[in-house]
Amino acid sequence: MIKSIVNAEHYFWGNQCEGWHLLKTDTLSVIEEKLPVGTAEQYHFHYKAQQVFYILKGQATFNIEGRDVLVNAGESIHIPALTKHGISNQNSEELSILVISEPKAHGDRENI
């Protein structure tokens, strides 16, 4: 089945951020997320899930273990399990990303 943000399961998170489940299984999750200007995710880690974040549009600021890393459109970053991290949009345009988690990250999160 072809999936897009038009027909995928949709949810809101944080302050006006959105996500769409493009693939939702226990072993693999692929989500498209949008972060409006000035929004951020709470600092956290996952016990089991490793994640790859691919930037579709904009520039993401990741805080990884207390260090800021900028990731631009067309680039990705890998976050291993147990790594403390968060993402924010500190730029002047909407941030659009793909979040690929193995296994799924929902239910496997500890906020800090």
C-alpha atoms as a PDB file:
ATOM      1  CA  MET A   1       0.000   0.000   0.000  1.00  0.00           C
ATOM      2  CA  ILE A   2       1.258   3.474  -0.859  1.00  0.00           C
ATOM      3  CA  LYS A   3       1.485   5.741   2.208  1.00  0.00           C
ATOM      4  CA  SER A   4       1.849   9.488   2.533  1.00  0.00           C
ATOM      5  CA  ILE A   5       0.863  12.184   5.009  1.00  0.00           C
ATOM      6  CA  VAL A   6      -2.490  12.249   3.181  1.00  0.00           C
ATOM      7  CA  ASN A   7      -3.524   8.713   4.232  1.00  0.00           C
ATOM      8  CA  ALA A   8      -1.180   7.725   7.100  1.00  0.00           C
ATOM      9  CA  GLU A   9      -2.117   7.600  10.783  1.00  0.00           C
ATOM     10  CA  HIS A  10      -1.613  11.141  12.125  1.00  0.00           C
ATOM     11  CA  TYR A  11      -0.784  12.436  15.605  1.00  0.00           C
ATOM     12  CA  PHE A  12       0.247  15.638  17.361  1.00  0.00           C
ATOM     13  CA  TRP A  13       3.108  15.877  19.828  1.00  0.00           C
ATOM     14  CA  GLY A  14       4.890  18.581  21.781  1.00  0.00           C
ATOM     15  CA  ASN A  15       3.866  22.134  20.944  1.00  0.00           C
ATOM     16  CA  GLN A  16       2.193  22.070  17.491  1.00  0.00           C
ATOM     17  CA  CYS A  17       4.448  19.309  16.088  1.00  0.00           C
ATOM     18  CA  GLU A  18       2.904  16.599  13.911  1.00  0.00           C
ATOM     19  CA  GLY A  19       3.735  13.080  12.855  1.00  0.00           C
ATOM     20  CA  TRP A  20       2.496  10.506  10.332  1.00  0.00           C
ATOM     21  CA  HIS A  21       3.142   6.748  10.662  1.00  0.00           C
ATOM     22  CA  LEU A  22       4.359   5.634   7.229  1.00  0.00           C
ATOM     23  CA  LEU A  23       5.252   2.199   8.655  1.00  0.00           C
ATOM     24  CA  LYS A  24       4.238   1.006  12.105  1.00  0.00           C
ATOM     25  CA  THR A  25       5.371  -2.452  13.203  1.00  0.00           C
ATOM     26  CA  ASP A  26       6.941  -3.742  16.420  1.00  0.00           C
ATOM     27  CA  THR A  27      10.321  -4.168  14.730  1.00  0.00           C
ATOM     28  CA  LEU A  28      10.479  -1.094  12.475  1.00  0.00           C
ATOM     29  CA  SER A  29       8.907   2.359  12.487  1.00  0.00           C
ATOM     30  CA  VAL A  30       9.070   5.044   9.797  1.00  0.00           C
ATOM     31  CA  ILE A  31       7.498   8.400  10.646  1.00  0.00           C
ATOM     32  CA  GLU A  32       7.399  11.722   8.855  1.00  0.00           C
ATOM     33  CA  GLU A  33       7.380  14.591  11.351  1.00  0.00           C
ATOM     34  CA  LYS A  34       7.025  18.357  11.031  1.00  0.00           C
ATOM     35  CA  LEU A  35       8.375  20.805  13.595  1.00  0.00           C
ATOM     36  CA  PRO A  36       7.261  24.433  13.287  1.00  0.00           C
ATOM     37  CA  VAL A  37       9.794  27.221  13.849  1.00  0.00           C
ATOM     38  CA  GLY A  38      10.854  27.481  17.502  1.00  0.00           C
ATOM     39  CA  THR A  39       9.641  24.028  18.594  1.00  0.00           C
ATOM     40  CA  ALA A  40      11.644  21.301  20.318  1.00  0.00           C
ATOM     41  CA  GLU A  41      11.369  17.754  21.561  1.00  0.00           C
ATOM     42  CA  GLN A  42      12.000  16.913  25.207  1.00  0.00           C
ATOM     43  CA  TYR A  43      15.499  15.546  25.940  1.00  0.00           C
ATOM     44  CA  HIS A  44      15.256  11.749  26.272  1.00  0.00           C
ATOM     45  CA  PHE A  45      16.717   8.346  25.379  1.00  0.00           C
ATOM     46  CA  HIS A  46      15.438   4.968  24.221  1.00  0.00           C
ATOM     47  CA  TYR A  47      16.331   1.733  25.996  1.00  0.00           C
ATOM     48  CA  LYS A  48      16.195  -0.506  22.900  1.00  0.00           C
ATOM     49  CA  ALA A  49      15.495   1.598  19.815  1.00  0.00           C
ATOM     50  CA  GLN A  50      18.197   2.968  17.564  1.00  0.00           C
ATOM     51  CA  GLN A  51      17.089   5.778  15.293  1.00  0.00           C
ATOM     52  CA  VAL A  52      18.043   7.441  12.036  1.00  0.00           C
ATOM     53  CA  PHE A  53      16.787  10.975  11.439  1.00  0.00           C
ATOM     54  CA  TYR A  54      16.774  12.125   7.801  1.00  0.00           C
ATOM     55  CA  ILE A  55      16.160  15.813   7.170  1.00  0.00           C
ATOM     56  CA  LEU A  56      13.715  16.372   4.308  1.00  0.00           C
ATOM     57  CA  LYS A  57      13.423  20.161   4.634  1.00  0.00           C
ATOM     58  CA  GLY A  58      15.080  22.758   6.862  1.00  0.00           C
ATOM     59  CA  GLN A  59      17.875  22.404   9.391  1.00  0.00           C
ATOM     60  CA  ALA A  60      17.632  20.400  12.622  1.00  0.00           C
ATOM     61  CA  THR A  61      19.551  21.131  15.788  1.00  0.00           C
ATOM     62  CA  PHE A  62      20.166  17.926  17.711  1.00  0.00           C
ATOM     63  CA  ASN A  63      21.417  17.924  21.265  1.00  0.00           C
ATOM     64  CA  ILE A  64      23.254  14.620  21.642  1.00  0.00           C
ATOM     65  CA  GLU A  65      24.721  13.856  25.041  1.00  0.00           C
ATOM     66  CA  GLY A  66      24.915  17.613  25.758  1.00  0.00           C
ATOM     67  CA  ARG A  67      26.512  18.613  22.428  1.00  0.00           C
ATOM     68  CA  ASP A  68      24.684  20.496  19.657  1.00  0.00           C
ATOM     69  CA  VAL A  69      24.902  19.073  16.129  1.00  0.00           C
ATOM     70  CA  LEU A  70      23.377  20.775  13.067  1.00  0.00           C
ATOM     71  CA  VAL A  71      21.907  18.486  10.388  1.00  0.00           C
ATOM     72  CA  ASN A  72      20.806  19.971   7.052  1.00  0.00           C
ATOM     73  CA  ALA A  73      18.265  18.911   4.433  1.00  0.00           C
ATOM     74  CA  GLY A  74      19.559  15.868   2.555  1.00  0.00           C
ATOM     75  CA  GLU A  75      21.610  14.682   5.571  1.00  0.00           C
ATOM     76  CA  SER A  76      20.945  12.096   8.271  1.00  0.00           C
ATOM     77  CA  ILE A  77      22.177  11.260  11.740  1.00  0.00           C
ATOM     78  CA  HIS A  78      22.169   7.943  13.622  1.00  0.00           C
ATOM     79  CA  ILE A  79      21.272   7.872  17.325  1.00  0.00           C
ATOM     80  CA  PRO A  80      22.182   4.556  19.013  1.00  0.00           C
ATOM     81  CA  ALA A  81      20.018   3.139  21.806  1.00  0.00           C
ATOM     82  CA  LEU A  82      20.691   4.620  25.283  1.00  0.00           C
ATOM     83  CA  THR A  83      22.001   7.878  23.751  1.00  0.00           C
ATOM     84  CA  LYS A  84      20.494  11.008  25.330  1.00  0.00           C
ATOM     85  CA  HIS A  85      19.139  13.287  22.616  1.00  0.00           C
ATOM     86  CA  GLY A  86      16.585  15.851  21.520  1.00  0.00           C
ATOM     87  CA  ILE A  87      15.769  17.755  18.339  1.00  0.00           C
ATOM     88  CA  SER A  88      14.751  21.367  17.848  1.00  0.00           C
ATOM     89  CA  ASN A  89      13.930  23.748  15.028  1.00  0.00           C
ATOM     90  CA  GLN A  90      15.863  26.948  15.698  1.00  0.00           C
ATOM     91  CA  ASN A  91      15.558  28.261  12.145  1.00  0.00           C
ATOM     92  CA  SER A  92      13.162  30.436  10.157  1.00  0.00           C
ATOM     93  CA  GLU A  93      11.387  27.658   8.207  1.00  0.00           C
ATOM     94  CA  GLU A  94       9.396  24.555   9.080  1.00  0.00           C
ATOM     95  CA  LEU A  95      11.487  21.431   9.707  1.00  0.00           C
ATOM     96  CA  SER A  96      10.394  18.206   8.017  1.00  0.00           C
ATOM     97  CA  ILE A  97      12.101  14.913   8.918  1.00  0.00           C
ATOM     98  CA  LEU A  98      11.893  11.148   8.575  1.00  0.00           C
ATOM     99  CA  VAL A  99      12.378   9.218  11.815  1.00  0.00           C
ATOM    100  CA  ILE A 100      13.340   5.571  11.309  1.00  0.00           C
ATOM    101  CA  SER A 101      13.384   3.477  14.498  1.00  0.00           C
ATOM    102  CA  GLU A 102      14.450  -0.143  14.981  1.00  0.00           C
ATOM    103  CA  PRO A 103      12.695  -1.584  16.897  1.00  0.00           C
ATOM    104  CA  LYS A 104       9.792   0.871  17.314  1.00  0.00           C
ATOM    105  CA  ALA A 105      10.520   3.758  19.691  1.00  0.00           C
ATOM    106  CA  HIS A 106       6.964   4.268  20.973  1.00  0.00           C
ATOM    107  CA  GLY A 107       6.782   2.845  24.505  1.00  0.00           C
ATOM    108  CA  ASP A 108      10.601   2.709  24.699  1.00  0.00           C
ATOM    109  CA  ARG A 109      11.365   6.232  25.872  1.00  0.00           C
ATOM    110  CA  GLU A 110      12.671   7.783  29.074  1.00  0.00           C
ATOM    111  CA  ASN A 111      12.353  11.572  29.362  1.00  0.00           C
ATOM    112  CA  ILE A 112      15.142  13.361  31.181  1.00  0.00           C
END
